[in-house]
Structures are given as structure tokens and as C-alpha cells.
Amino acid sequence: MADWQDVMGAQWDKIVARDDVSVFVAYYPGEDDRRFDLHGFIAVMDGYEVDDRPVPFIVYCYVKHLQRRLGIASGMLAYAGIDPSKPFHFAAKTSVITKLKKVLPLARWKPIAIRYPKESK
């Protein structure tokens, strides 16, 4: 798909610009080489509810390949206030999250939830 980046990049820009989405970045501030200072990021939707009960919602979580398995994603989850041992929903299903199904048994894939802001439902 030649236009994937254009289409999805524009959608991502709209999502992170929303008032109900927060983005947290894991980085190393002392790194001089700009290729290595960014380790990953997590985008979460605030105020997501199921049956009038709050449920944490991860829009997207990314950790650079070389920094994986170092606890960076766990740290970002904790910083965002998400306990991975409790129920949470997520929008982006990747090959990594598919492999973590046994580790995250209460995670539920809900890709539609992020597509429509509360006011448009």
C-alpha cells in the first residue's frame, strides 16, 4: 500500500491531538546520539468506560527493538497508571502483543473504541 504512511500518519495525528489522549515518552536525556535517546512511547485514552466503570485503554505502545525486554514498556504502563495484571483494553494489535497473550490474559482488543470520540457516539 503506497499511501499507508500518508493515511495512517494523518489518523495518528488526529488521535494524539484529542483532549482525551495522553502520550508518554521513554527516553534517556543524557544520550548525545539522537538515534539512541528515544526508547519508546505509550498513548492512552483517558476517561474510557465500560458499563459506567473506568477501564484503562492503551491506544498504542511501542518500544524500540533493541530496548525490548528491559522493562521499558512496564515502566511506561506504570507511569500511565495501568496495572497489566488487571483488565485493560487496547486498540493496536501487533505481533508483540499477540505473543504476550499469556502474560496479559485480561487484555482485550477493542480497536473501534479509539475511532470515535465520546461526543460522536
PDB file of N, CA and C in Angstrom:
ATOM      1  N   MET A   1       0.841  -1.183   0.000  1.00  0.00           N
ATOM      2  CA  MET A   1       0.000   0.000   0.000  1.00  0.00           C
ATOM      3  C   MET A   1       0.882   1.239   0.000  1.00  0.00           C
ATOM      4  N   ALA A   2       0.982   1.881  -1.095  1.00  0.00           N
ATOM      5  CA  ALA A   2       1.870   3.029  -1.248  1.00  0.00           C
ATOM      6  C   ALA A   2       1.458   4.223  -0.390  1.00  0.00           C
ATOM      7  N   ASP A   3       0.170   4.347  -0.066  1.00  0.00           N
ATOM      8  CA  ASP A   3      -0.282   5.508   0.697  1.00  0.00           C
ATOM      9  C   ASP A   3      -0.491   5.218   2.185  1.00  0.00           C
ATOM     10  N   TRP A   4      -0.039   4.059   2.657  1.00  0.00           N
ATOM     11  CA  TRP A   4      -0.273   3.680   4.048  1.00  0.00           C
ATOM     12  C   TRP A   4       0.238   4.745   5.015  1.00  0.00           C
ATOM     13  N   GLN A   5       1.475   5.186   4.850  1.00  0.00           N
ATOM     14  CA  GLN A   5       2.046   6.182   5.749  1.00  0.00           C
ATOM     15  C   GLN A   5       1.248   7.480   5.740  1.00  0.00           C
ATOM     16  N   ASP A   6       0.837   7.934   4.562  1.00  0.00           N
ATOM     17  CA  ASP A   6       0.056   9.162   4.479  1.00  0.00           C
ATOM     18  C   ASP A   6      -1.290   9.016   5.182  1.00  0.00           C
ATOM     19  N   VAL A   7      -1.964   7.915   4.931  1.00  0.00           N
ATOM     20  CA  VAL A   7      -3.291   7.687   5.513  1.00  0.00           C
ATOM     21  C   VAL A   7      -3.193   7.479   7.025  1.00  0.00           C
ATOM     22  N   MET A   8      -2.350   6.556   7.448  1.00  0.00           N
ATOM     23  CA  MET A   8      -2.271   6.240   8.869  1.00  0.00           C
ATOM     24  C   MET A   8      -1.566   7.338   9.665  1.00  0.00           C
ATOM     25  N   GLY A   9      -0.614   8.007   9.061  1.00  0.00           N
ATOM     26  CA  GLY A   9       0.043   9.120   9.740  1.00  0.00           C
ATOM     27  C   GLY A   9      -0.949  10.222  10.072  1.00  0.00           C
ATOM     28  N   ALA A  10      -1.833  10.518   9.132  1.00  0.00           N
ATOM     29  CA  ALA A  10      -2.863  11.541   9.364  1.00  0.00           C
ATOM     30  C   ALA A  10      -3.824  11.099  10.467  1.00  0.00           C
ATOM     31  N   GLN A  11      -4.179   9.820  10.494  1.00  0.00           N
ATOM     32  CA  GLN A  11      -5.068   9.307  11.541  1.00  0.00           C
ATOM     33  C   GLN A  11      -4.394   9.385  12.905  1.00  0.00           C
ATOM     34  N   TRP A  12      -3.121   9.006  12.952  1.00  0.00           N
ATOM     35  CA  TRP A  12      -2.372   9.068  14.212  1.00  0.00           C
ATOM     36  C   TRP A  12      -2.320  10.504  14.719  1.00  0.00           C
ATOM     37  N   ASP A  13      -2.072  11.464  13.820  1.00  0.00           N
ATOM     38  CA  ASP A  13      -2.021  12.870  14.212  1.00  0.00           C
ATOM     39  C   ASP A  13      -3.350  13.302  14.835  1.00  0.00           C
ATOM     40  N   LYS A  14      -4.462  12.858  14.257  1.00  0.00           N
ATOM     41  CA  LYS A  14      -5.781  13.195  14.804  1.00  0.00           C
ATOM     42  C   LYS A  14      -5.992  12.574  16.181  1.00  0.00           C
ATOM     43  N   ILE A  15      -5.563  11.342  16.338  1.00  0.00           N
ATOM     44  CA  ILE A  15      -5.757  10.647  17.623  1.00  0.00           C
ATOM     45  C   ILE A  15      -4.971  11.327  18.732  1.00  0.00           C
ATOM     46  N   VAL A  16      -3.686  11.582  18.510  1.00  0.00           N
ATOM     47  CA  VAL A  16      -2.876  12.161  19.593  1.00  0.00           C
ATOM     48  C   VAL A  16      -3.214  13.629  19.855  1.00  0.00           C
ATOM     49  N   ALA A  17      -3.926  14.270  18.955  1.00  0.00           N
ATOM     50  CA  ALA A  17      -4.351  15.653  19.172  1.00  0.00           C
ATOM     51  C   ALA A  17      -5.620  15.735  20.026  1.00  0.00           C
ATOM     52  N   ARG A  18      -6.279  14.612  20.238  1.00  0.00           N
ATOM     53  CA  ARG A  18      -7.520  14.607  21.013  1.00  0.00           C
ATOM     54  C   ARG A  18      -7.255  14.958  22.476  1.00  0.00           C
ATOM     55  N   ASP A  19      -8.221  15.628  23.102  1.00  0.00           N
ATOM     56  CA  ASP A  19      -8.103  16.006  24.509  1.00  0.00           C
ATOM     57  C   ASP A  19      -8.101  14.807  25.441  1.00  0.00           C
ATOM     58  N   ASP A  20      -8.684  13.698  25.004  1.00  0.00           N
ATOM     59  CA  ASP A  20      -8.783  12.522  25.880  1.00  0.00           C
ATOM     60  C   ASP A  20      -7.657  11.516  25.660  1.00  0.00           C
ATOM     61  N   VAL A  21      -6.616  11.907  24.932  1.00  0.00           N
ATOM     62  CA  VAL A  21      -5.468  11.018  24.694  1.00  0.00           C
ATOM     63  C   VAL A  21      -4.204  11.672  25.254  1.00  0.00           C
ATOM     64  N   SER A  22      -3.463  10.872  26.023  1.00  0.00           N
ATOM     65  CA  SER A  22      -2.186  11.320  26.576  1.00  0.00           C
ATOM     66  C   SER A  22      -1.070  10.452  26.009  1.00  0.00           C
ATOM     67  N   VAL A  23       0.065  11.049  25.724  1.00  0.00           N
ATOM     68  CA  VAL A  23       1.217  10.317  25.203  1.00  0.00           C
ATOM     69  C   VAL A  23       2.386  10.517  26.167  1.00  0.00           C
ATOM     70  N   PHE A  24       3.011   9.403  26.547  1.00  0.00           N
ATOM     71  CA  PHE A  24       4.175   9.429  27.426  1.00  0.00           C
ATOM     72  C   PHE A  24       5.342   8.816  26.669  1.00  0.00           C
ATOM     73  N   VAL A  25       6.511   9.433  26.797  1.00  0.00           N
ATOM     74  CA  VAL A  25       7.690   9.012  26.058  1.00  0.00           C
ATOM     75  C   VAL A  25       8.772   8.553  27.024  1.00  0.00           C
ATOM     76  N   ALA A  26       9.366   7.407  26.719  1.00  0.00           N
ATOM     77  CA  ALA A  26      10.513   6.907  27.486  1.00  0.00           C
ATOM     78  C   ALA A  26      11.772   7.299  26.719  1.00  0.00           C
ATOM     79  N   TYR A  27      12.643   8.021  27.393  1.00  0.00           N
ATOM     80  CA  TYR A  27      13.857   8.468  26.724  1.00  0.00           C
ATOM     81  C   TYR A  27      14.982   8.581  27.737  1.00  0.00           C
ATOM     82  N   TYR A  28      16.175   8.679  27.222  1.00  0.00           N
ATOM     83  CA  TYR A  28      17.347   8.855  28.056  1.00  0.00           C
ATOM     84  C   TYR A  28      17.883  10.259  27.800  1.00  0.00           C
ATOM     85  N   PRO A  29      17.702  11.174  28.745  1.00  0.00           N
ATOM     86  CA  PRO A  29      18.066  12.569  28.496  1.00  0.00           C
ATOM     87  C   PRO A  29      19.561  12.829  28.364  1.00  0.00           C
ATOM     88  N   GLY A  30      20.400  11.922  28.839  1.00  0.00           N
ATOM     89  CA  GLY A  30      21.831  12.152  28.765  1.00  0.00           C
ATOM     90  C   GLY A  30      22.479  11.659  27.484  1.00  0.00           C
ATOM     91  N   GLU A  31      21.718  11.052  26.604  1.00  0.00           N
ATOM     92  CA  GLU A  31      22.269  10.478  25.369  1.00  0.00           C
ATOM     93  C   GLU A  31      22.519  11.580  24.345  1.00  0.00           C
ATOM     94  N   ASP A  32      23.727  11.642  23.817  1.00  0.00           N
ATOM     95  CA  ASP A  32      24.068  12.645  22.820  1.00  0.00           C
ATOM     96  C   ASP A  32      23.665  12.238  21.403  1.00  0.00           C
ATOM     97  N   ASP A  33      23.639  10.953  21.142  1.00  0.00           N
ATOM     98  CA  ASP A  33      23.288  10.470  19.813  1.00  0.00           C
ATOM     99  C   ASP A  33      21.766  10.384  19.710  1.00  0.00           C
ATOM    100  N   ARG A  34      21.173  11.233  18.890  1.00  0.00           N
ATOM    101  CA  ARG A  34      19.713  11.335  18.785  1.00  0.00           C
ATOM    102  C   ARG A  34      19.054  10.039  18.323  1.00  0.00           C
ATOM    103  N   ARG A  35      19.817   9.120  17.761  1.00  0.00           N
ATOM    104  CA  ARG A  35      19.240   7.836  17.346  1.00  0.00           C
ATOM    105  C   ARG A  35      18.961   6.941  18.544  1.00  0.00           C
ATOM    106  N   PHE A  36      19.599   7.209  19.659  1.00  0.00           N
ATOM    107  CA  PHE A  36      19.506   6.309  20.797  1.00  0.00           C
ATOM    108  C   PHE A  36      18.800   6.892  22.024  1.00  0.00           C
ATOM    109  N   ASP A  37      18.417   8.166  21.994  1.00  0.00           N
ATOM    110  CA  ASP A  37      17.821   8.744  23.191  1.00  0.00           C
ATOM    111  C   ASP A  37      16.359   8.349  23.391  1.00  0.00           C
ATOM    112  N   LEU A  38      15.632   8.063  22.330  1.00  0.00           N
ATOM    113  CA  LEU A  38      14.225   7.675  22.431  1.00  0.00           C
ATOM    114  C   LEU A  38      14.127   6.155  22.540  1.00  0.00           C
ATOM    115  N   HIS A  39      13.462   5.675  23.600  1.00  0.00           N
ATOM    116  CA  HIS A  39      13.315   4.238  23.795  1.00  0.00           C
ATOM    117  C   HIS A  39      11.935   3.730  23.394  1.00  0.00           C
ATOM    118  N   GLY A  40      10.910   4.553  23.556  1.00  0.00           N
ATOM    119  CA  GLY A  40       9.556   4.131  23.213  1.00  0.00           C
ATOM    120  C   GLY A  40       8.540   5.157  23.649  1.00  0.00           C
ATOM    121  N   PHE A  41       7.271   4.839  23.411  1.00  0.00           N
ATOM    122  CA  PHE A  41       6.189   5.723  23.837  1.00  0.00           C
ATOM    123  C   PHE A  41       4.929   4.900  24.058  1.00  0.00           C
ATOM    124  N   ILE A  42       4.014   5.478  24.833  1.00  0.00           N
ATOM    125  CA  ILE A  42       2.708   4.873  25.049  1.00  0.00           C
ATOM    126  C   ILE A  42       1.666   5.979  24.927  1.00  0.00           C
ATOM    127  N   ALA A  43       0.597   5.694  24.208  1.00  0.00           N
ATOM    128  CA  ALA A  43      -0.536   6.614  24.086  1.00  0.00           C
ATOM    129  C   ALA A  43      -1.727   5.949  24.759  1.00  0.00           C
ATOM    130  N   VAL A  44      -2.375   6.660  25.652  1.00  0.00           N
ATOM    131  CA  VAL A  44      -3.523   6.116  26.370  1.00  0.00           C
ATOM    132  C   VAL A  44      -4.719   7.048  26.227  1.00  0.00           C
ATOM    133  N   MET A  45      -5.910   6.443  26.201  1.00  0.00           N
ATOM    134  CA  MET A  45      -7.140   7.219  26.150  1.00  0.00           C
ATOM    135  C   MET A  45      -7.650   7.365  27.579  1.00  0.00           C
ATOM    136  N   ASP A  46      -7.879   8.598  27.991  1.00  0.00           N
ATOM    137  CA  ASP A  46      -8.370   8.890  29.331  1.00  0.00           C
ATOM    138  C   ASP A  46      -9.902   8.854  29.342  1.00  0.00           C
ATOM    139  N   GLY A  47     -10.464   8.450  30.457  1.00  0.00           N
ATOM    140  CA  GLY A  47     -11.915   8.501  30.621  1.00  0.00           C
ATOM    141  C   GLY A  47     -12.692   7.419  29.907  1.00  0.00           C
ATOM    142  N   TYR A  48     -12.036   6.363  29.454  1.00  0.00           N
ATOM    143  CA  TYR A  48     -12.724   5.265  28.772  1.00  0.00           C
ATOM    144  C   TYR A  48     -13.496   4.451  29.806  1.00  0.00           C
ATOM    145  N   GLU A  49     -14.740   4.137  29.494  1.00  0.00           N
ATOM    146  CA  GLU A  49     -15.586   3.389  30.422  1.00  0.00           C
ATOM    147  C   GLU A  49     -16.302   2.245  29.727  1.00  0.00           C
ATOM    148  N   VAL A  50     -16.547   1.203  30.488  1.00  0.00           N
ATOM    149  CA  VAL A  50     -17.357   0.069  30.050  1.00  0.00           C
ATOM    150  C   VAL A  50     -18.383  -0.156  31.148  1.00  0.00           C
ATOM    151  N   ASP A  51     -19.656  -0.102  30.787  1.00  0.00           N
ATOM    152  CA  ASP A  51     -20.741  -0.242  31.768  1.00  0.00           C
ATOM    153  C   ASP A  51     -20.570   0.739  32.926  1.00  0.00           C
ATOM    154  N   ASP A  52     -20.248   1.982  32.584  1.00  0.00           N
ATOM    155  CA  ASP A  52     -20.065   3.072  33.548  1.00  0.00           C
ATOM    156  C   ASP A  52     -18.934   2.842  34.549  1.00  0.00           C
ATOM    157  N   ARG A  53     -17.987   1.966  34.208  1.00  0.00           N
ATOM    158  CA  ARG A  53     -16.823   1.734  35.052  1.00  0.00           C
ATOM    159  C   ARG A  53     -15.563   2.037  34.248  1.00  0.00           C
ATOM    160  N   PRO A  54     -14.622   2.756  34.859  1.00  0.00           N
ATOM    161  CA  PRO A  54     -13.397   3.091  34.129  1.00  0.00           C
ATOM    162  C   PRO A  54     -12.561   1.848  33.811  1.00  0.00           C
ATOM    163  N   VAL A  55     -12.066   1.802  32.593  1.00  0.00           N
ATOM    164  CA  VAL A  55     -11.179   0.721  32.149  1.00  0.00           C
ATOM    165  C   VAL A  55      -9.994   1.378  31.444  1.00  0.00           C
ATOM    166  N   PRO A  56      -8.768   1.079  31.865  1.00  0.00           N
ATOM    167  CA  PRO A  56      -7.610   1.649  31.167  1.00  0.00           C
ATOM    168  C   PRO A  56      -7.621   1.258  29.687  1.00  0.00           C
ATOM    169  N   PHE A  57      -7.220   2.197  28.836  1.00  0.00           N
ATOM    170  CA  PHE A  57      -7.239   1.959  27.397  1.00  0.00           C
ATOM    171  C   PHE A  57      -5.915   2.401  26.786  1.00  0.00           C
ATOM    172  N   ILE A  58      -5.211   1.462  26.174  1.00  0.00           N
ATOM    173  CA  ILE A  58      -3.948   1.758  25.502  1.00  0.00           C
ATOM    174  C   ILE A  58      -4.212   1.911  24.013  1.00  0.00           C
ATOM    175  N   VAL A  59      -3.923   3.072  23.493  1.00  0.00           N
ATOM    176  CA  VAL A  59      -4.068   3.310  22.059  1.00  0.00           C
ATOM    177  C   VAL A  59      -2.934   2.603  21.323  1.00  0.00           C
ATOM    178  N   TYR A  60      -1.719   2.825  21.800  1.00  0.00           N
ATOM    179  CA  TYR A  60      -0.549   2.205  21.172  1.00  0.00           C
ATOM    180  C   TYR A  60       0.612   2.248  22.152  1.00  0.00           C
ATOM    181  N   CYS A  61       1.375   1.190  22.177  1.00  0.00           N
ATOM    182  CA  CYS A  61       2.589   1.140  22.991  1.00  0.00           C
ATOM    183  C   CYS A  61       3.710   0.623  22.096  1.00  0.00           C
ATOM    184  N   TYR A  62       4.804   1.359  22.081  1.00  0.00           N
ATOM    185  CA  TYR A  62       5.932   0.978  21.225  1.00  0.00           C
ATOM    186  C   TYR A  62       7.233   1.121  22.000  1.00  0.00           C
ATOM    187  N   VAL A  63       8.073   0.099  21.874  1.00  0.00           N
ATOM    188  CA  VAL A  63       9.433   0.148  22.405  1.00  0.00           C
ATOM    189  C   VAL A  63      10.359  -0.268  21.264  1.00  0.00           C
ATOM    190  N   LYS A  64      11.436   0.503  21.065  1.00  0.00           N
ATOM    191  CA  LYS A  64      12.401   0.162  20.021  1.00  0.00           C
ATOM    192  C   LYS A  64      12.900  -1.260  20.214  1.00  0.00           C
ATOM    193  N   HIS A  65      13.140  -1.916  19.113  1.00  0.00           N
ATOM    194  CA  HIS A  65      13.516  -3.332  19.136  1.00  0.00           C
ATOM    195  C   HIS A  65      14.685  -3.629  20.082  1.00  0.00           C
ATOM    196  N   LEU A  66      15.743  -2.852  20.003  1.00  0.00           N
ATOM    197  CA  LEU A  66      16.929  -3.117  20.826  1.00  0.00           C
ATOM    198  C   LEU A  66      16.714  -2.853  22.315  1.00  0.00           C
ATOM    199  N   GLN A  67      15.662  -2.108  22.662  1.00  0.00           N
ATOM    200  CA  GLN A  67      15.386  -1.811  24.065  1.00  0.00           C
ATOM    201  C   GLN A  67      14.305  -2.726  24.659  1.00  0.00           C
ATOM    202  N   ARG A  68      13.790  -3.654  23.875  1.00  0.00           N
ATOM    203  CA  ARG A  68      12.741  -4.543  24.380  1.00  0.00           C
ATOM    204  C   ARG A  68      13.305  -5.520  25.395  1.00  0.00           C
ATOM    205  N   ARG A  69      12.448  -5.980  26.275  1.00  0.00           N
ATOM    206  CA  ARG A  69      12.771  -6.935  27.341  1.00  0.00           C
ATOM    207  C   ARG A  69      13.668  -6.313  28.414  1.00  0.00           C
ATOM    208  N   LEU A  70      13.616  -4.984  28.511  1.00  0.00           N
ATOM    209  CA  LEU A  70      14.377  -4.276  29.541  1.00  0.00           C
ATOM    210  C   LEU A  70      13.453  -3.609  30.563  1.00  0.00           C
ATOM    211  N   GLY A  71      12.146  -3.841  30.442  1.00  0.00           N
ATOM    212  CA  GLY A  71      11.182  -3.261  31.373  1.00  0.00           C
ATOM    213  C   GLY A  71      10.684  -1.886  30.998  1.00  0.00           C
ATOM    214  N   ILE A  72      11.004  -1.426  29.806  1.00  0.00           N
ATOM    215  CA  ILE A  72      10.587  -0.087  29.399  1.00  0.00           C
ATOM    216  C   ILE A  72       9.075  -0.003  29.243  1.00  0.00           C
ATOM    217  N   ALA A  73       8.467  -0.978  28.594  1.00  0.00           N
ATOM    218  CA  ALA A  73       7.004  -0.970  28.452  1.00  0.00           C
ATOM    219  C   ALA A  73       6.336  -1.050  29.823  1.00  0.00           C
ATOM    220  N   SER A  74       6.861  -1.888  30.699  1.00  0.00           N
ATOM    221  CA  SER A  74       6.300  -1.992  32.056  1.00  0.00           C
ATOM    222  C   SER A  74       6.379  -0.648  32.775  1.00  0.00           C
ATOM    223  N   GLY A  75       7.495   0.034  32.617  1.00  0.00           N
ATOM    224  CA  GLY A  75       7.653   1.349  33.230  1.00  0.00           C
ATOM    225  C   GLY A  75       6.680   2.368  32.681  1.00  0.00           C
ATOM    226  N   MET A  76       6.477   2.342  31.376  1.00  0.00           N
ATOM    227  CA  MET A  76       5.527   3.284  30.770  1.00  0.00           C
ATOM    228  C   MET A  76       4.102   2.972  31.214  1.00  0.00           C
ATOM    229  N   LEU A  77       3.761   1.688  31.295  1.00  0.00           N
ATOM    230  CA  LEU A  77       2.432   1.304  31.788  1.00  0.00           C
ATOM    231  C   LEU A  77       2.231   1.832  33.203  1.00  0.00           C
ATOM    232  N   ALA A  78       3.220   1.631  34.054  1.00  0.00           N
ATOM    233  CA  ALA A  78       3.120   2.098  35.439  1.00  0.00           C
ATOM    234  C   ALA A  78       2.971   3.619  35.484  1.00  0.00           C
ATOM    235  N   TYR A  79       3.769   4.325  34.686  1.00  0.00           N
ATOM    236  CA  TYR A  79       3.695   5.783  34.654  1.00  0.00           C
ATOM    237  C   TYR A  79       2.317   6.257  34.205  1.00  0.00           C
ATOM    238  N   ALA A  80       1.712   5.517  33.273  1.00  0.00           N
ATOM    239  CA  ALA A  80       0.378   5.863  32.774  1.00  0.00           C
ATOM    240  C   ALA A  80      -0.729   5.399  33.722  1.00  0.00           C
ATOM    241  N   GLY A  81      -0.346   4.706  34.803  1.00  0.00           N
ATOM    242  CA  GLY A  81      -1.334   4.262  35.778  1.00  0.00           C
ATOM    243  C   GLY A  81      -2.059   2.986  35.396  1.00  0.00           C
ATOM    244  N   ILE A  82      -1.441   2.179  34.557  1.00  0.00           N
ATOM    245  CA  ILE A  82      -2.070   0.938  34.097  1.00  0.00           C
ATOM    246  C   ILE A  82      -1.364  -0.257  34.730  1.00  0.00           C
ATOM    247  N   ASP A  83      -2.149  -1.087  35.404  1.00  0.00           N
ATOM    248  CA  ASP A  83      -1.643  -2.317  36.011  1.00  0.00           C
ATOM    249  C   ASP A  83      -1.931  -3.448  35.036  1.00  0.00           C
ATOM    250  N   PRO A  84      -0.903  -4.024  34.406  1.00  0.00           N
ATOM    251  CA  PRO A  84      -1.140  -5.059  33.395  1.00  0.00           C
ATOM    252  C   PRO A  84      -1.714  -6.363  33.955  1.00  0.00           C
ATOM    253  N   SER A  85      -1.758  -6.498  35.278  1.00  0.00           N
ATOM    254  CA  SER A  85      -2.362  -7.694  35.868  1.00  0.00           C
ATOM    255  C   SER A  85      -3.870  -7.540  36.023  1.00  0.00           C
ATOM    256  N   LYS A  86      -4.372  -6.343  35.727  1.00  0.00           N
ATOM    257  CA  LYS A  86      -5.813  -6.066  35.814  1.00  0.00           C
ATOM    258  C   LYS A  86      -6.368  -5.843  34.404  1.00  0.00           C
ATOM    259  N   PRO A  87      -7.693  -5.885  34.260  1.00  0.00           N
ATOM    260  CA  PRO A  87      -8.283  -5.696  32.929  1.00  0.00           C
ATOM    261  C   PRO A  87      -7.925  -4.333  32.313  1.00  0.00           C
ATOM    262  N   PHE A  88      -7.628  -4.365  31.021  1.00  0.00           N
ATOM    263  CA  PHE A  88      -7.456  -3.141  30.250  1.00  0.00           C
ATOM    264  C   PHE A  88      -7.787  -3.461  28.796  1.00  0.00           C
ATOM    265  N   HIS A  89      -8.072  -2.426  28.038  1.00  0.00           N
ATOM    266  CA  HIS A  89      -8.372  -2.587  26.620  1.00  0.00           C
ATOM    267  C   HIS A  89      -7.274  -1.919  25.809  1.00  0.00           C
ATOM    268  N   PHE A  90      -7.133  -2.346  24.556  1.00  0.00           N
ATOM    269  CA  PHE A  90      -6.114  -1.756  23.686  1.00  0.00           C
ATOM    270  C   PHE A  90      -6.632  -1.717  22.254  1.00  0.00           C
ATOM    271  N   ALA A  91      -6.098  -0.776  21.480  1.00  0.00           N
ATOM    272  CA  ALA A  91      -6.559  -0.576  20.111  1.00  0.00           C
ATOM    273  C   ALA A  91      -5.675  -1.234  19.064  1.00  0.00           C
ATOM    274  N   ALA A  92      -4.371  -1.223  19.266  1.00  0.00           N
ATOM    275  CA  ALA A  92      -3.429  -1.688  18.241  1.00  0.00           C
ATOM    276  C   ALA A  92      -2.956  -3.104  18.545  1.00  0.00           C
ATOM    277  N   LYS A  93      -3.318  -4.006  17.685  1.00  0.00           N
ATOM    278  CA  LYS A  93      -2.898  -5.402  17.847  1.00  0.00           C
ATOM    279  C   LYS A  93      -1.671  -5.627  16.974  1.00  0.00           C
ATOM    280  N   THR A  94      -0.553  -5.875  17.624  1.00  0.00           N
ATOM    281  CA  THR A  94       0.705  -6.085  16.917  1.00  0.00           C
ATOM    282  C   THR A  94       1.186  -7.513  17.138  1.00  0.00           C
ATOM    283  N   SER A  95       2.230  -7.882  16.451  1.00  0.00           N
ATOM    284  CA  SER A  95       2.781  -9.229  16.644  1.00  0.00           C
ATOM    285  C   SER A  95       3.316  -9.397  18.072  1.00  0.00           C
ATOM    286  N   VAL A  96       3.802  -8.324  18.666  1.00  0.00           N
ATOM    287  CA  VAL A  96       4.328  -8.396  20.024  1.00  0.00           C
ATOM    288  C   VAL A  96       3.209  -8.650  21.027  1.00  0.00           C
ATOM    289  N   ILE A  97       2.118  -7.906  20.925  1.00  0.00           N
ATOM    290  CA  ILE A  97       1.016  -8.086  21.876  1.00  0.00           C
ATOM    291  C   ILE A  97       0.384  -9.467  21.717  1.00  0.00           C
ATOM    292  N   THR A  98       0.369  -9.984  20.515  1.00  0.00           N
ATOM    293  CA  THR A  98      -0.167 -11.326  20.289  1.00  0.00           C
ATOM    294  C   THR A  98       0.664 -12.366  21.041  1.00  0.00           C
ATOM    295  N   LYS A  99       1.968 -12.185  21.064  1.00  0.00           N
ATOM    296  CA  LYS A  99       2.854 -13.108  21.780  1.00  0.00           C
ATOM    297  C   LYS A  99       2.720 -12.987  23.292  1.00  0.00           C
ATOM    298  N   LEU A 100       2.205 -11.865  23.775  1.00  0.00           N
ATOM    299  CA  LEU A 100       2.094 -11.630  25.209  1.00  0.00           C
ATOM    300  C   LEU A 100       0.734 -12.033  25.783  1.00  0.00           C
ATOM    301  N   LYS A 101      -0.076 -12.720  25.022  1.00  0.00           N
ATOM    302  CA  LYS A 101      -1.427 -13.060  25.456  1.00  0.00           C
ATOM    303  C   LYS A 101      -1.438 -13.821  26.787  1.00  0.00           C
ATOM    304  N   LYS A 102      -0.487 -14.727  26.983  1.00  0.00           N
ATOM    305  CA  LYS A 102      -0.431 -15.482  28.239  1.00  0.00           C
ATOM    306  C   LYS A 102      -0.010 -14.601  29.410  1.00  0.00           C
ATOM    307  N   VAL A 103       0.803 -13.610  29.137  1.00  0.00           N
ATOM    308  CA  VAL A 103       1.279 -12.704  30.181  1.00  0.00           C
ATOM    309  C   VAL A 103       0.216 -11.661  30.529  1.00  0.00           C
ATOM    310  N   LEU A 104      -0.624 -11.329  29.558  1.00  0.00           N
ATOM    311  CA  LEU A 104      -1.662 -10.303  29.724  1.00  0.00           C
ATOM    312  C   LEU A 104      -3.047 -10.907  29.468  1.00  0.00           C
ATOM    313  N   PRO A 105      -3.467 -11.866  30.280  1.00  0.00           N
ATOM    314  CA  PRO A 105      -4.722 -12.573  29.988  1.00  0.00           C
ATOM    315  C   PRO A 105      -5.976 -11.711  30.094  1.00  0.00           C
ATOM    316  N   LEU A 106      -5.906 -10.585  30.787  1.00  0.00           N
ATOM    317  CA  LEU A 106      -7.084  -9.742  30.954  1.00  0.00           C
ATOM    318  C   LEU A 106      -7.148  -8.599  29.944  1.00  0.00           C
ATOM    319  N   ALA A 107      -6.173  -8.538  29.047  1.00  0.00           N
ATOM    320  CA  ALA A 107      -6.163  -7.519  27.993  1.00  0.00           C
ATOM    321  C   ALA A 107      -7.197  -7.871  26.936  1.00  0.00           C
ATOM    322  N   ARG A 108      -7.943  -6.863  26.479  1.00  0.00           N
ATOM    323  CA  ARG A 108      -8.964  -7.071  25.456  1.00  0.00           C
ATOM    324  C   ARG A 108      -8.743  -6.104  24.301  1.00  0.00           C
ATOM    325  N   TRP A 109      -8.768  -6.657  23.092  1.00  0.00           N
ATOM    326  CA  TRP A 109      -8.592  -5.853  21.881  1.00  0.00           C
ATOM    327  C   TRP A 109      -9.899  -5.183  21.528  1.00  0.00           C
ATOM    328  N   LYS A 110      -9.920  -3.858  21.519  1.00  0.00           N
ATOM    329  CA  LYS A 110     -11.123  -3.072  21.206  1.00  0.00           C
ATOM    330  C   LYS A 110     -10.751  -1.950  20.233  1.00  0.00           C
ATOM    331  N   PRO A 111     -10.480  -2.296  18.973  1.00  0.00           N
ATOM    332  CA  PRO A 111      -9.984  -1.290  18.028  1.00  0.00           C
ATOM    333  C   PRO A 111     -10.991  -0.200  17.671  1.00  0.00           C
ATOM    334  N   ILE A 112     -12.254  -0.466  17.804  1.00  0.00           N
ATOM    335  CA  ILE A 112     -13.274   0.528  17.419  1.00  0.00           C
ATOM    336  C   ILE A 112     -13.339   1.684  18.414  1.00  0.00           C
ATOM    337  N   ALA A 113     -13.048   1.418  19.676  1.00  0.00           N
ATOM    338  CA  ALA A 113     -13.231   2.425  20.728  1.00  0.00           C
ATOM    339  C   ALA A 113     -12.478   3.721  20.465  1.00  0.00           C
ATOM    340  N   ILE A 114     -11.297   3.654  19.906  1.00  0.00           N
ATOM    341  CA  ILE A 114     -10.498   4.860  19.687  1.00  0.00           C
ATOM    342  C   ILE A 114     -10.953   5.642  18.452  1.00  0.00           C
ATOM    343  N   ARG A 115     -11.679   4.998  17.579  1.00  0.00           N
ATOM    344  CA  ARG A 115     -12.046   5.649  16.320  1.00  0.00           C
ATOM    345  C   ARG A 115     -13.070   6.757  16.468  1.00  0.00           C
ATOM    346  N   TYR A 116     -13.861   6.689  17.516  1.00  0.00           N
ATOM    347  CA  TYR A 116     -14.939   7.653  17.682  1.00  0.00           C
ATOM    348  C   TYR A 116     -14.863   8.324  19.040  1.00  0.00           C
ATOM    349  N   PRO A 117     -14.592   9.623  19.078  1.00  0.00           N
ATOM    350  CA  PRO A 117     -14.572  10.334  20.349  1.00  0.00           C
ATOM    351  C   PRO A 117     -15.940  10.224  21.041  1.00  0.00           C
ATOM    352  N   LYS A 118     -15.954  10.364  22.350  1.00  0.00           N
ATOM    353  CA  LYS A 118     -17.198  10.240  23.121  1.00  0.00           C
ATOM    354  C   LYS A 118     -18.325  11.087  22.562  1.00  0.00           C
ATOM    355  N   GLU A 119     -18.027  12.329  22.215  1.00  0.00           N
ATOM    356  CA  GLU A 119     -19.089  13.227  21.757  1.00  0.00           C
ATOM    357  C   GLU A 119     -19.769  12.748  20.482  1.00  0.00           C
ATOM    358  N   SER A 120     -19.106  11.914  19.675  1.00  0.00           N
ATOM    359  CA  SER A 120     -19.691  11.499  18.398  1.00  0.00           C
ATOM    360  C   SER A 120     -20.465  10.187  18.506  1.00  0.00           C
ATOM    361  N   LYS A 121     -20.494   9.576  19.687  1.00  0.00           N
ATOM    362  CA  LYS A 121     -21.222   8.304  19.838  1.00  0.00           C
ATOM    363  C   LYS A 121     -22.697   8.527  19.978  1.00  0.00           C
TER     364      LYS A 121
END
